[in-house]
Amino acid sequence: MAANSRLTIAAHALAWLALARRRGQEVLTSEQVAASVNTNPVILRRSLGDLRRAGLVTVRHGAGAGWSLAREPEAISLLEVYDAVDAHPPFGLHHTEPNQECPVGKGIRPALSGVYGRVEQAMRRELAQTSIADVLRETLVH
């Protein structure tokens, strides 16, 4: 199963918008951001649309069209980005009900639900403590 890269693409786009702002360019086109991410602008616009609906970016139409951060990068947490682009829990349970006559089938969902819930809470705490400014700072070190 392939890993979901939606959070990574969104964080990349926001970090690029933050760097552009720092350099005095408030607005970038989706083509400019897509070039940095190395993806199709249509794919990127889908992600930027999710971020816009969450209030993390704004879009300008007409002359000077493009995307910009809606807030300072220090005020945008990775948790907000995660919630904007991927509302699914990190782990899923069976798609069908396991065999309730089997001792493992009967207890696997409650057993894993507790573990998965704790993992998700730890992940959410870590994402909440990391801002787009932190991501950009780390990015520029490498």
N, C-alpha and C. Protein backbone atom coordinates (compact mmCIF):
# COMPACT_ATOMS: atom_id res chain seq x y z
N MET A 1 0.85 -1.18 0.00
CA MET A 1 0.00 0.00 0.00
C MET A 1 0.89 1.24 0.00
N ALA A 2 0.63 2.16 -0.88
CA ALA A 2 1.42 3.38 -0.98
C ALA A 2 1.06 4.35 0.14
N ALA A 3 2.05 5.08 0.59
CA ALA A 3 1.82 6.08 1.62
C ALA A 3 1.09 7.28 1.03
N ASN A 4 0.28 7.93 1.84
CA ASN A 4 -0.44 9.11 1.43
C ASN A 4 0.50 10.31 1.54
N SER A 5 0.68 11.05 0.46
CA SER A 5 1.61 12.18 0.46
C SER A 5 0.90 13.53 0.48
N ARG A 6 -0.39 13.55 0.75
CA ARG A 6 -1.14 14.81 0.71
C ARG A 6 -0.62 15.84 1.71
N LEU A 7 -0.29 15.39 2.93
CA LEU A 7 0.25 16.31 3.93
C LEU A 7 1.60 16.86 3.47
N THR A 8 2.43 16.01 2.92
CA THR A 8 3.76 16.42 2.46
C THR A 8 3.65 17.45 1.34
N ILE A 9 2.78 17.21 0.39
CA ILE A 9 2.59 18.15 -0.73
C ILE A 9 2.08 19.49 -0.21
N ALA A 10 1.11 19.46 0.70
CA ALA A 10 0.55 20.70 1.25
C ALA A 10 1.59 21.46 2.07
N ALA A 11 2.35 20.75 2.89
CA ALA A 11 3.39 21.42 3.70
C ALA A 11 4.46 22.03 2.78
N HIS A 12 4.82 21.32 1.72
CA HIS A 12 5.79 21.81 0.75
C HIS A 12 5.27 23.12 0.12
N ALA A 13 4.04 23.09 -0.33
CA ALA A 13 3.45 24.28 -0.96
C ALA A 13 3.42 25.46 0.01
N LEU A 14 3.03 25.22 1.25
CA LEU A 14 2.97 26.30 2.23
C LEU A 14 4.35 26.84 2.57
N ALA A 15 5.34 25.95 2.69
CA ALA A 15 6.71 26.40 2.97
C ALA A 15 7.23 27.25 1.81
N TRP A 16 6.93 26.87 0.57
CA TRP A 16 7.34 27.63 -0.60
C TRP A 16 6.66 29.00 -0.61
N LEU A 17 5.38 29.04 -0.27
CA LEU A 17 4.67 30.32 -0.18
C LEU A 17 5.27 31.19 0.93
N ALA A 18 5.66 30.57 2.04
CA ALA A 18 6.28 31.31 3.15
C ALA A 18 7.63 31.88 2.72
N LEU A 19 8.43 31.11 2.00
CA LEU A 19 9.72 31.60 1.54
C LEU A 19 9.54 32.73 0.54
N ALA A 20 8.58 32.58 -0.36
CA ALA A 20 8.31 33.65 -1.33
C ALA A 20 7.92 34.93 -0.60
N ARG A 21 7.08 34.82 0.43
CA ARG A 21 6.67 35.99 1.21
C ARG A 21 7.90 36.64 1.85
N ARG A 22 8.77 35.81 2.42
CA ARG A 22 9.98 36.32 3.07
C ARG A 22 10.84 37.08 2.06
N ARG A 23 10.82 36.64 0.82
CA ARG A 23 11.62 37.28 -0.24
C ARG A 23 10.89 38.44 -0.91
N GLY A 24 9.72 38.80 -0.40
CA GLY A 24 8.98 39.95 -0.91
C GLY A 24 7.99 39.65 -2.01
N GLN A 25 7.74 38.38 -2.29
CA GLN A 25 6.76 38.00 -3.31
C GLN A 25 5.57 37.39 -2.60
N GLU A 26 4.51 38.17 -2.46
CA GLU A 26 3.34 37.75 -1.69
C GLU A 26 2.50 36.68 -2.37
N VAL A 27 2.53 36.65 -3.71
CA VAL A 27 1.63 35.78 -4.46
C VAL A 27 2.45 34.91 -5.42
N LEU A 28 2.12 33.62 -5.45
CA LEU A 28 2.71 32.69 -6.43
C LEU A 28 1.58 32.02 -7.20
N THR A 29 1.82 31.76 -8.46
CA THR A 29 0.83 31.02 -9.25
C THR A 29 0.90 29.54 -8.87
N SER A 30 -0.15 28.82 -9.19
CA SER A 30 -0.14 27.38 -8.92
C SER A 30 0.95 26.70 -9.76
N GLU A 31 1.26 27.24 -10.92
CA GLU A 31 2.33 26.68 -11.75
C GLU A 31 3.69 26.84 -11.06
N GLN A 32 3.91 27.99 -10.42
CA GLN A 32 5.17 28.21 -9.70
C GLN A 32 5.30 27.25 -8.52
N VAL A 33 4.22 27.08 -7.78
CA VAL A 33 4.27 26.17 -6.63
C VAL A 33 4.40 24.74 -7.12
N ALA A 34 3.67 24.38 -8.16
CA ALA A 34 3.74 23.02 -8.70
C ALA A 34 5.15 22.69 -9.19
N ALA A 35 5.86 23.68 -9.73
CA ALA A 35 7.23 23.44 -10.20
C ALA A 35 8.14 23.06 -9.04
N SER A 36 7.95 23.67 -7.88
CA SER A 36 8.76 23.32 -6.72
C SER A 36 8.42 21.93 -6.21
N VAL A 37 7.13 21.61 -6.17
CA VAL A 37 6.68 20.30 -5.70
C VAL A 37 7.00 19.22 -6.74
N ASN A 38 7.16 19.64 -7.99
CA ASN A 38 7.38 18.74 -9.12
C ASN A 38 6.16 17.86 -9.34
N THR A 39 5.02 18.53 -9.43
CA THR A 39 3.76 17.84 -9.69
C THR A 39 2.95 18.66 -10.69
N ASN A 40 1.89 18.07 -11.15
CA ASN A 40 0.99 18.73 -12.09
C ASN A 40 0.24 19.86 -11.37
N PRO A 41 0.14 21.05 -11.98
CA PRO A 41 -0.59 22.15 -11.34
C PRO A 41 -2.04 21.80 -10.98
N VAL A 42 -2.67 20.92 -11.73
CA VAL A 42 -4.05 20.52 -11.41
C VAL A 42 -4.08 19.79 -10.06
N ILE A 43 -3.11 18.90 -9.84
CA ILE A 43 -3.02 18.18 -8.56
C ILE A 43 -2.78 19.18 -7.44
N LEU A 44 -1.89 20.11 -7.68
CA LEU A 44 -1.56 21.09 -6.66
C LEU A 44 -2.75 21.99 -6.35
N ARG A 45 -3.48 22.41 -7.36
CA ARG A 45 -4.65 23.27 -7.13
C ARG A 45 -5.69 22.58 -6.26
N ARG A 46 -5.81 21.26 -6.37
CA ARG A 46 -6.72 20.52 -5.51
C ARG A 46 -6.30 20.67 -4.05
N SER A 47 -5.01 20.53 -3.80
CA SER A 47 -4.47 20.68 -2.45
C SER A 47 -4.63 22.12 -1.96
N LEU A 48 -4.31 23.08 -2.82
CA LEU A 48 -4.46 24.48 -2.44
C LEU A 48 -5.92 24.82 -2.17
N GLY A 49 -6.83 24.21 -2.89
CA GLY A 49 -8.26 24.41 -2.64
C GLY A 49 -8.65 23.93 -1.25
N ASP A 50 -8.12 22.77 -0.84
CA ASP A 50 -8.37 22.27 0.52
C ASP A 50 -7.82 23.25 1.55
N LEU A 51 -6.63 23.77 1.29
CA LEU A 51 -6.01 24.72 2.22
C LEU A 51 -6.79 26.04 2.27
N ARG A 52 -7.33 26.45 1.13
CA ARG A 52 -8.15 27.68 1.10
C ARG A 52 -9.41 27.50 1.92
N ARG A 53 -10.07 26.34 1.76
CA ARG A 53 -11.30 26.09 2.53
C ARG A 53 -11.02 26.06 4.03
N ALA A 54 -9.82 25.71 4.41
CA ALA A 54 -9.44 25.68 5.82
C ALA A 54 -8.93 27.05 6.31
N GLY A 55 -8.87 28.03 5.42
CA GLY A 55 -8.44 29.36 5.81
C GLY A 55 -6.93 29.52 5.94
N LEU A 56 -6.17 28.64 5.30
CA LEU A 56 -4.71 28.70 5.41
C LEU A 56 -4.04 29.46 4.27
N VAL A 57 -4.71 29.51 3.12
CA VAL A 57 -4.22 30.29 1.99
C VAL A 57 -5.38 31.08 1.41
N THR A 58 -5.01 32.09 0.63
CA THR A 58 -6.02 32.85 -0.11
C THR A 58 -5.64 32.80 -1.58
N VAL A 59 -6.63 33.01 -2.42
CA VAL A 59 -6.39 33.04 -3.87
C VAL A 59 -6.85 34.39 -4.40
N ARG A 60 -6.08 34.91 -5.33
CA ARG A 60 -6.40 36.17 -5.98
C ARG A 60 -6.62 35.88 -7.46
N HIS A 61 -7.71 36.38 -8.01
CA HIS A 61 -8.03 36.18 -9.42
C HIS A 61 -7.74 37.47 -10.19
N GLY A 62 -7.63 37.36 -11.49
CA GLY A 62 -7.41 38.53 -12.33
C GLY A 62 -5.94 38.92 -12.37
N ALA A 63 -5.69 40.24 -12.49
CA ALA A 63 -4.30 40.72 -12.56
C ALA A 63 -3.58 40.36 -11.26
N GLY A 64 -2.39 39.84 -11.39
CA GLY A 64 -1.62 39.43 -10.21
C GLY A 64 -2.18 38.20 -9.53
N ALA A 65 -2.84 37.34 -10.32
CA ALA A 65 -3.49 36.14 -9.78
C ALA A 65 -2.48 35.20 -9.14
N GLY A 66 -2.94 34.50 -8.13
CA GLY A 66 -2.10 33.50 -7.49
C GLY A 66 -2.53 33.22 -6.07
N TRP A 67 -1.67 32.50 -5.39
CA TRP A 67 -1.95 32.03 -4.04
C TRP A 67 -1.01 32.69 -3.05
N SER A 68 -1.51 32.90 -1.83
CA SER A 68 -0.67 33.45 -0.77
C SER A 68 -1.12 32.88 0.56
N LEU A 69 -0.25 32.98 1.55
CA LEU A 69 -0.60 32.52 2.89
C LEU A 69 -1.67 33.44 3.47
N ALA A 70 -2.62 32.86 4.17
CA ALA A 70 -3.66 33.65 4.82
C ALA A 70 -3.19 34.16 6.19
N ARG A 71 -2.18 33.50 6.75
CA ARG A 71 -1.64 33.88 8.06
C ARG A 71 -0.12 33.78 8.00
N GLU A 72 0.51 34.27 9.03
CA GLU A 72 1.96 34.13 9.14
C GLU A 72 2.31 32.64 9.26
N PRO A 73 3.44 32.21 8.70
CA PRO A 73 3.81 30.80 8.76
C PRO A 73 3.97 30.26 10.19
N GLU A 74 4.32 31.13 11.12
CA GLU A 74 4.43 30.71 12.53
C GLU A 74 3.07 30.35 13.12
N ALA A 75 2.01 30.85 12.51
CA ALA A 75 0.66 30.65 13.04
C ALA A 75 -0.09 29.53 12.33
N ILE A 76 0.60 28.78 11.48
CA ILE A 76 -0.03 27.65 10.77
C ILE A 76 0.65 26.38 11.24
N SER A 77 -0.10 25.53 11.94
CA SER A 77 0.48 24.27 12.42
C SER A 77 0.30 23.16 11.39
N LEU A 78 1.18 22.18 11.48
CA LEU A 78 1.03 21.03 10.60
C LEU A 78 -0.27 20.27 10.90
N LEU A 79 -0.77 20.38 12.12
CA LEU A 79 -2.05 19.74 12.43
C LEU A 79 -3.17 20.38 11.63
N GLU A 80 -3.16 21.69 11.51
CA GLU A 80 -4.18 22.36 10.69
C GLU A 80 -4.07 21.93 9.24
N VAL A 81 -2.85 21.78 8.76
CA VAL A 81 -2.63 21.34 7.37
C VAL A 81 -3.13 19.91 7.20
N TYR A 82 -2.77 19.05 8.14
CA TYR A 82 -3.21 17.65 8.10
C TYR A 82 -4.74 17.58 8.08
N ASP A 83 -5.39 18.32 8.97
CA ASP A 83 -6.85 18.30 9.02
C ASP A 83 -7.47 18.85 7.74
N ALA A 84 -6.79 19.79 7.09
CA ALA A 84 -7.31 20.39 5.86
C ALA A 84 -7.25 19.43 4.68
N VAL A 85 -6.19 18.63 4.60
CA VAL A 85 -5.99 17.82 3.40
C VAL A 85 -6.26 16.34 3.59
N ASP A 86 -6.35 15.86 4.83
CA ASP A 86 -6.50 14.42 5.04
C ASP A 86 -7.26 14.17 6.33
N ALA A 87 -8.56 14.14 6.26
CA ALA A 87 -9.38 13.98 7.46
C ALA A 87 -9.51 12.53 7.91
N HIS A 88 -8.83 11.62 7.25
CA HIS A 88 -8.94 10.20 7.61
C HIS A 88 -7.98 9.86 8.75
N PRO A 89 -8.36 8.93 9.60
CA PRO A 89 -7.42 8.48 10.63
C PRO A 89 -6.23 7.79 9.97
N PRO A 90 -5.06 7.79 10.64
CA PRO A 90 -3.87 7.22 10.01
C PRO A 90 -3.96 5.70 9.79
N PHE A 91 -4.75 5.02 10.60
CA PHE A 91 -4.89 3.57 10.46
C PHE A 91 -6.37 3.22 10.37
N GLY A 92 -6.69 2.25 9.54
CA GLY A 92 -8.06 1.81 9.42
C GLY A 92 -8.23 0.39 9.92
N LEU A 93 -9.43 0.07 10.29
CA LEU A 93 -9.74 -1.30 10.70
C LEU A 93 -10.26 -2.06 9.49
N HIS A 94 -10.62 -3.30 9.70
CA HIS A 94 -11.14 -4.14 8.62
C HIS A 94 -12.29 -3.45 7.88
N HIS A 95 -12.38 -3.70 6.61
CA HIS A 95 -13.49 -3.16 5.83
C HIS A 95 -14.77 -3.98 6.06
N THR A 96 -14.60 -5.22 6.44
CA THR A 96 -15.74 -6.07 6.77
C THR A 96 -15.57 -6.56 8.21
N GLU A 97 -16.67 -6.94 8.80
CA GLU A 97 -16.65 -7.45 10.17
C GLU A 97 -15.86 -8.75 10.25
N PRO A 98 -14.85 -8.83 11.12
CA PRO A 98 -14.12 -10.09 11.29
C PRO A 98 -15.06 -11.18 11.84
N ASN A 99 -14.65 -12.41 11.71
CA ASN A 99 -15.41 -13.55 12.19
C ASN A 99 -15.55 -13.47 13.71
N GLN A 100 -16.76 -13.24 14.18
CA GLN A 100 -17.02 -13.09 15.61
C GLN A 100 -16.97 -14.42 16.36
N GLU A 101 -16.94 -15.52 15.64
CA GLU A 101 -16.80 -16.84 16.26
C GLU A 101 -15.33 -17.17 16.56
N CYS A 102 -14.43 -16.43 15.96
CA CYS A 102 -12.99 -16.63 16.16
C CYS A 102 -12.54 -15.76 17.34
N PRO A 103 -11.74 -16.29 18.26
CA PRO A 103 -11.30 -15.48 19.40
C PRO A 103 -10.50 -14.24 18.98
N VAL A 104 -9.70 -14.34 17.93
CA VAL A 104 -8.96 -13.17 17.45
C VAL A 104 -9.90 -12.23 16.70
N GLY A 105 -10.74 -12.79 15.83
CA GLY A 105 -11.69 -11.97 15.08
C GLY A 105 -12.61 -11.18 16.00
N LYS A 106 -13.00 -11.76 17.12
CA LYS A 106 -13.90 -11.11 18.07
C LYS A 106 -13.23 -9.94 18.79
N GLY A 107 -11.95 -10.06 19.08
CA GLY A 107 -11.30 -9.04 19.91
C GLY A 107 -10.31 -8.12 19.21
N ILE A 108 -10.08 -8.36 17.91
CA ILE A 108 -9.04 -7.59 17.22
C ILE A 108 -9.39 -6.10 17.10
N ARG A 109 -10.63 -5.79 16.78
CA ARG A 109 -11.02 -4.38 16.62
C ARG A 109 -10.85 -3.59 17.91
N PRO A 110 -11.39 -4.06 19.04
CA PRO A 110 -11.18 -3.29 20.28
C PRO A 110 -9.70 -3.18 20.65
N ALA A 111 -8.95 -4.25 20.45
CA ALA A 111 -7.52 -4.22 20.80
C ALA A 111 -6.77 -3.18 19.97
N LEU A 112 -6.98 -3.20 18.66
CA LEU A 112 -6.27 -2.26 17.80
C LEU A 112 -6.81 -0.84 17.89
N SER A 113 -8.09 -0.69 18.14
CA SER A 113 -8.68 0.65 18.24
C SER A 113 -8.00 1.46 19.34
N GLY A 114 -7.73 0.85 20.46
CA GLY A 114 -7.06 1.56 21.55
C GLY A 114 -5.65 1.99 21.17
N VAL A 115 -4.90 1.08 20.59
CA VAL A 115 -3.53 1.39 20.16
C VAL A 115 -3.56 2.49 19.10
N TYR A 116 -4.39 2.31 18.10
CA TYR A 116 -4.47 3.29 17.02
C TYR A 116 -4.89 4.66 17.54
N GLY A 117 -5.81 4.70 18.47
CA GLY A 117 -6.24 5.97 19.05
C GLY A 117 -5.10 6.69 19.76
N ARG A 118 -4.29 5.94 20.52
CA ARG A 118 -3.15 6.55 21.21
C ARG A 118 -2.09 7.04 20.22
N VAL A 119 -1.85 6.26 19.18
CA VAL A 119 -0.88 6.68 18.15
C VAL A 119 -1.37 7.96 17.46
N GLU A 120 -2.64 7.99 17.12
CA GLU A 120 -3.17 9.19 16.46
C GLU A 120 -3.07 10.41 17.36
N GLN A 121 -3.36 10.26 18.65
CA GLN A 121 -3.26 11.41 19.57
C GLN A 121 -1.81 11.89 19.67
N ALA A 122 -0.85 10.98 19.73
CA ALA A 122 0.56 11.37 19.78
C ALA A 122 0.96 12.09 18.50
N MET A 123 0.50 11.58 17.36
CA MET A 123 0.80 12.21 16.08
C MET A 123 0.21 13.62 16.04
N ARG A 124 -1.04 13.76 16.46
CA ARG A 124 -1.70 15.06 16.43
C ARG A 124 -1.00 16.06 17.36
N ARG A 125 -0.53 15.60 18.51
CA ARG A 125 0.21 16.50 19.42
C ARG A 125 1.48 17.00 18.75
N GLU A 126 2.21 16.11 18.11
CA GLU A 126 3.46 16.49 17.43
C GLU A 126 3.19 17.45 16.28
N LEU A 127 2.18 17.17 15.47
CA LEU A 127 1.84 18.05 14.36
C LEU A 127 1.41 19.43 14.87
N ALA A 128 0.70 19.48 15.99
CA ALA A 128 0.24 20.75 16.56
C ALA A 128 1.41 21.61 17.03
N GLN A 129 2.50 20.98 17.39
CA GLN A 129 3.67 21.70 17.91
C GLN A 129 4.63 22.14 16.81
N THR A 130 4.33 21.82 15.56
CA THR A 130 5.22 22.14 14.45
C THR A 130 4.51 23.09 13.50
N SER A 131 5.13 24.23 13.24
CA SER A 131 4.53 25.23 12.35
C SER A 131 5.16 25.15 10.96
N ILE A 132 4.53 25.81 10.02
CA ILE A 132 5.10 25.92 8.68
C ILE A 132 6.43 26.67 8.75
N ALA A 133 6.56 27.63 9.65
CA ALA A 133 7.83 28.33 9.83
C ALA A 133 8.91 27.34 10.28
N ASP A 134 8.56 26.41 11.16
CA ASP A 134 9.51 25.38 11.60
C ASP A 134 9.94 24.51 10.41
N VAL A 135 8.96 24.11 9.59
CA VAL A 135 9.26 23.28 8.42
C VAL A 135 10.19 24.03 7.47
N LEU A 136 9.89 25.30 7.22
CA LEU A 136 10.75 26.09 6.33
C LEU A 136 12.15 26.22 6.91
N ARG A 137 12.26 26.50 8.19
CA ARG A 137 13.56 26.63 8.83
C ARG A 137 14.38 25.35 8.67
N GLU A 138 13.77 24.21 8.93
CA GLU A 138 14.45 22.91 8.78
C GLU A 138 14.80 22.64 7.32
N THR A 139 13.91 23.01 6.43
CA THR A 139 14.13 22.79 4.99
C THR A 139 15.36 23.54 4.51
N LEU A 140 15.51 24.78 4.96
CA LEU A 140 16.61 25.61 4.49
C LEU A 140 17.95 25.20 5.07
N VAL A 141 17.94 24.38 6.12
CA VAL A 141 19.19 23.86 6.71
C VAL A 141 19.81 22.82 5.78
N HIS A 142 18.97 22.10 5.04
CA HIS A 142 19.46 20.98 4.22
C HIS A 142 19.80 21.39 2.83
